[in-house]
Amino acid sequence: MHKVWNDTELSKMVNKDIPFPMLSDQDGSIGKMYGIYDEDAGVETRGRFLIDPDGIVQGFEVLTPPVGRNVSETIRQIKAFQHVRATGGTEVTPSGWKPGKTVLKPGPELVGNVWKAWKVEEAFED
């Protein structure tokens, strides 16, 4: 099902194939584990889970079917998690971060001072 969705729609939205695996949960067992299975309807609520190479959920979003997910935001978040992982956590990404934009150095001195380093215009550039 996801292959058909990628081939007929998703890849056309982002002009390329999605560079990460998607999961189909035929019997709802995974959805039940993550708490997104709707027992009454017999289906899962639409969701996406960002799971790192160690099997740890780093981010998730669950939406009801009438509201679409933001594929570009998902890819942006994946890149941000990859950057943080690649730096061993010595750099973190502020809200709306994109590759090549300002990163932050975590530590006590950052608390209450993110606004000084974070450039609003960077977060909202297209």
Protein backbone atom coordinates (compact mmCIF):
# COMPACT_ATOMS: atom_id res chain seq x y z
CA MET A 1 0.00 0.00 0.00
CA HIS A 2 2.74 2.49 0.89
CA LYS A 3 4.63 1.67 -2.32
CA VAL A 4 1.56 2.54 -4.37
CA TRP A 5 1.05 5.74 -2.33
CA ASN A 6 4.71 6.71 -2.80
CA ASP A 7 4.68 5.90 -6.53
CA THR A 8 1.37 7.59 -7.38
CA GLU A 9 1.25 10.53 -4.97
CA LEU A 10 3.91 11.10 -2.33
CA SER A 11 6.94 11.04 -4.65
CA LYS A 12 5.18 13.58 -6.87
CA MET A 13 4.61 15.92 -3.91
CA VAL A 14 8.32 16.06 -3.06
CA ASN A 15 9.69 15.31 -6.56
CA LYS A 16 11.54 12.17 -5.45
CA ASP A 17 11.09 8.91 -3.62
CA ILE A 18 10.91 9.10 0.17
CA PRO A 19 14.37 8.17 1.53
CA PHE A 20 13.14 6.23 4.55
CA PRO A 21 11.02 3.13 5.14
CA MET A 22 7.29 3.34 5.79
CA LEU A 23 5.44 0.71 7.75
CA SER A 24 2.09 -0.90 7.07
CA ASP A 25 0.33 -2.48 10.03
CA GLN A 26 -2.11 -5.01 8.55
CA ASP A 27 -3.45 -6.40 11.84
CA GLY A 28 -3.23 -3.23 13.96
CA SER A 29 -0.79 -4.77 16.45
CA ILE A 30 1.77 -1.99 16.11
CA GLY A 31 -0.92 0.71 16.27
CA LYS A 32 -2.19 -0.84 19.48
CA MET A 33 1.33 -0.72 20.98
CA TYR A 34 1.66 2.97 20.09
CA GLY A 35 -1.88 3.81 21.21
CA ILE A 36 -3.20 4.96 17.84
CA TYR A 37 -5.50 2.05 17.01
CA ASP A 38 -9.20 2.96 16.96
CA GLU A 39 -10.92 -0.19 18.23
CA ASP A 40 -14.43 1.03 17.28
CA ALA A 41 -13.50 1.78 13.66
CA GLY A 42 -11.03 -1.10 13.37
CA VAL A 43 -8.34 1.18 11.90
CA GLU A 44 -5.39 3.22 13.04
CA THR A 45 -5.34 6.97 13.32
CA ARG A 46 -2.84 8.41 10.89
CA GLY A 47 0.50 8.82 12.52
CA ARG A 48 4.18 9.00 11.89
CA PHE A 49 6.91 7.99 14.28
CA LEU A 50 10.55 8.95 13.91
CA ILE A 51 12.58 6.06 15.29
CA ASP A 52 16.36 6.33 15.54
CA PRO A 53 18.82 3.55 14.61
CA ASP A 54 18.78 2.41 18.25
CA GLY A 55 15.02 1.83 18.09
CA ILE A 56 14.12 4.84 20.24
CA VAL A 57 11.15 7.01 19.25
CA GLN A 58 12.54 10.52 18.87
CA GLY A 59 9.40 12.19 17.54
CA PHE A 60 5.83 11.44 16.57
CA GLU A 61 2.71 13.07 15.23
CA VAL A 62 -0.82 11.67 15.20
CA LEU A 63 -3.60 13.28 13.19
CA THR A 64 -7.15 12.29 12.36
CA PRO A 65 -7.70 11.34 8.69
CA PRO A 66 -9.26 14.63 7.52
CA VAL A 67 -6.02 16.56 8.23
CA GLY A 68 -2.96 15.83 6.11
CA ARG A 69 0.56 15.53 7.41
CA ASN A 70 3.38 17.82 6.34
CA VAL A 71 5.92 15.72 4.44
CA SER A 72 8.43 18.59 4.22
CA GLU A 73 8.28 19.07 8.00
CA THR A 74 8.82 15.36 8.56
CA ILE A 75 11.91 15.40 6.34
CA ARG A 76 13.16 18.57 8.10
CA GLN A 77 12.80 16.87 11.48
CA ILE A 78 14.61 13.75 10.26
CA LYS A 79 17.52 15.93 9.08
CA ALA A 80 17.55 17.75 12.43
CA PHE A 81 17.62 14.47 14.39
CA GLN A 82 20.37 13.18 12.10
CA HIS A 83 22.42 16.34 12.70
CA VAL A 84 22.08 16.11 16.48
CA ARG A 85 23.02 12.43 16.36
CA ALA A 86 26.02 13.10 14.09
CA THR A 87 27.35 15.72 16.53
CA GLY A 88 26.86 13.44 19.49
CA GLY A 89 24.51 15.98 21.01
CA THR A 90 27.13 18.75 21.12
CA GLU A 91 24.87 20.76 18.80
CA VAL A 92 21.09 21.06 18.98
CA THR A 93 18.65 22.51 16.49
CA PRO A 94 16.20 25.27 17.34
CA SER A 95 12.60 25.41 16.16
CA GLY A 96 12.33 25.39 12.38
CA TRP A 97 16.03 24.56 11.92
CA LYS A 98 17.19 23.57 8.44
CA PRO A 99 20.60 22.26 7.35
CA GLY A 100 23.13 25.08 7.11
CA LYS A 101 21.28 27.30 9.57
CA THR A 102 22.27 28.30 13.11
CA VAL A 103 22.73 25.48 15.62
CA LEU A 104 22.91 25.83 19.38
CA LYS A 105 25.37 24.47 21.93
CA PRO A 106 23.46 22.84 24.79
CA GLY A 107 24.31 23.77 28.36
CA PRO A 108 23.09 25.69 31.38
CA GLU A 109 24.00 29.03 29.79
CA LEU A 110 21.52 28.35 26.97
CA VAL A 111 18.54 28.19 29.34
CA GLY A 112 16.57 31.41 28.97
CA ASN A 113 18.87 32.59 26.18
CA VAL A 114 17.70 30.62 23.14
CA TRP A 115 15.98 33.74 21.85
CA LYS A 116 19.35 35.49 21.58
CA ALA A 117 20.77 32.85 19.24
CA TRP A 118 17.64 31.84 17.36
CA LYS A 119 16.93 33.87 14.27
CA VAL A 120 13.19 34.00 13.59
CA GLU A 121 13.73 34.75 9.91
CA GLU A 122 15.78 31.55 9.51
CA ALA A 123 12.96 29.42 10.87
CA PHE A 124 10.42 30.83 8.45
CA GLU A 125 12.50 31.05 5.28
CA ASP A 126 11.42 28.84 2.42
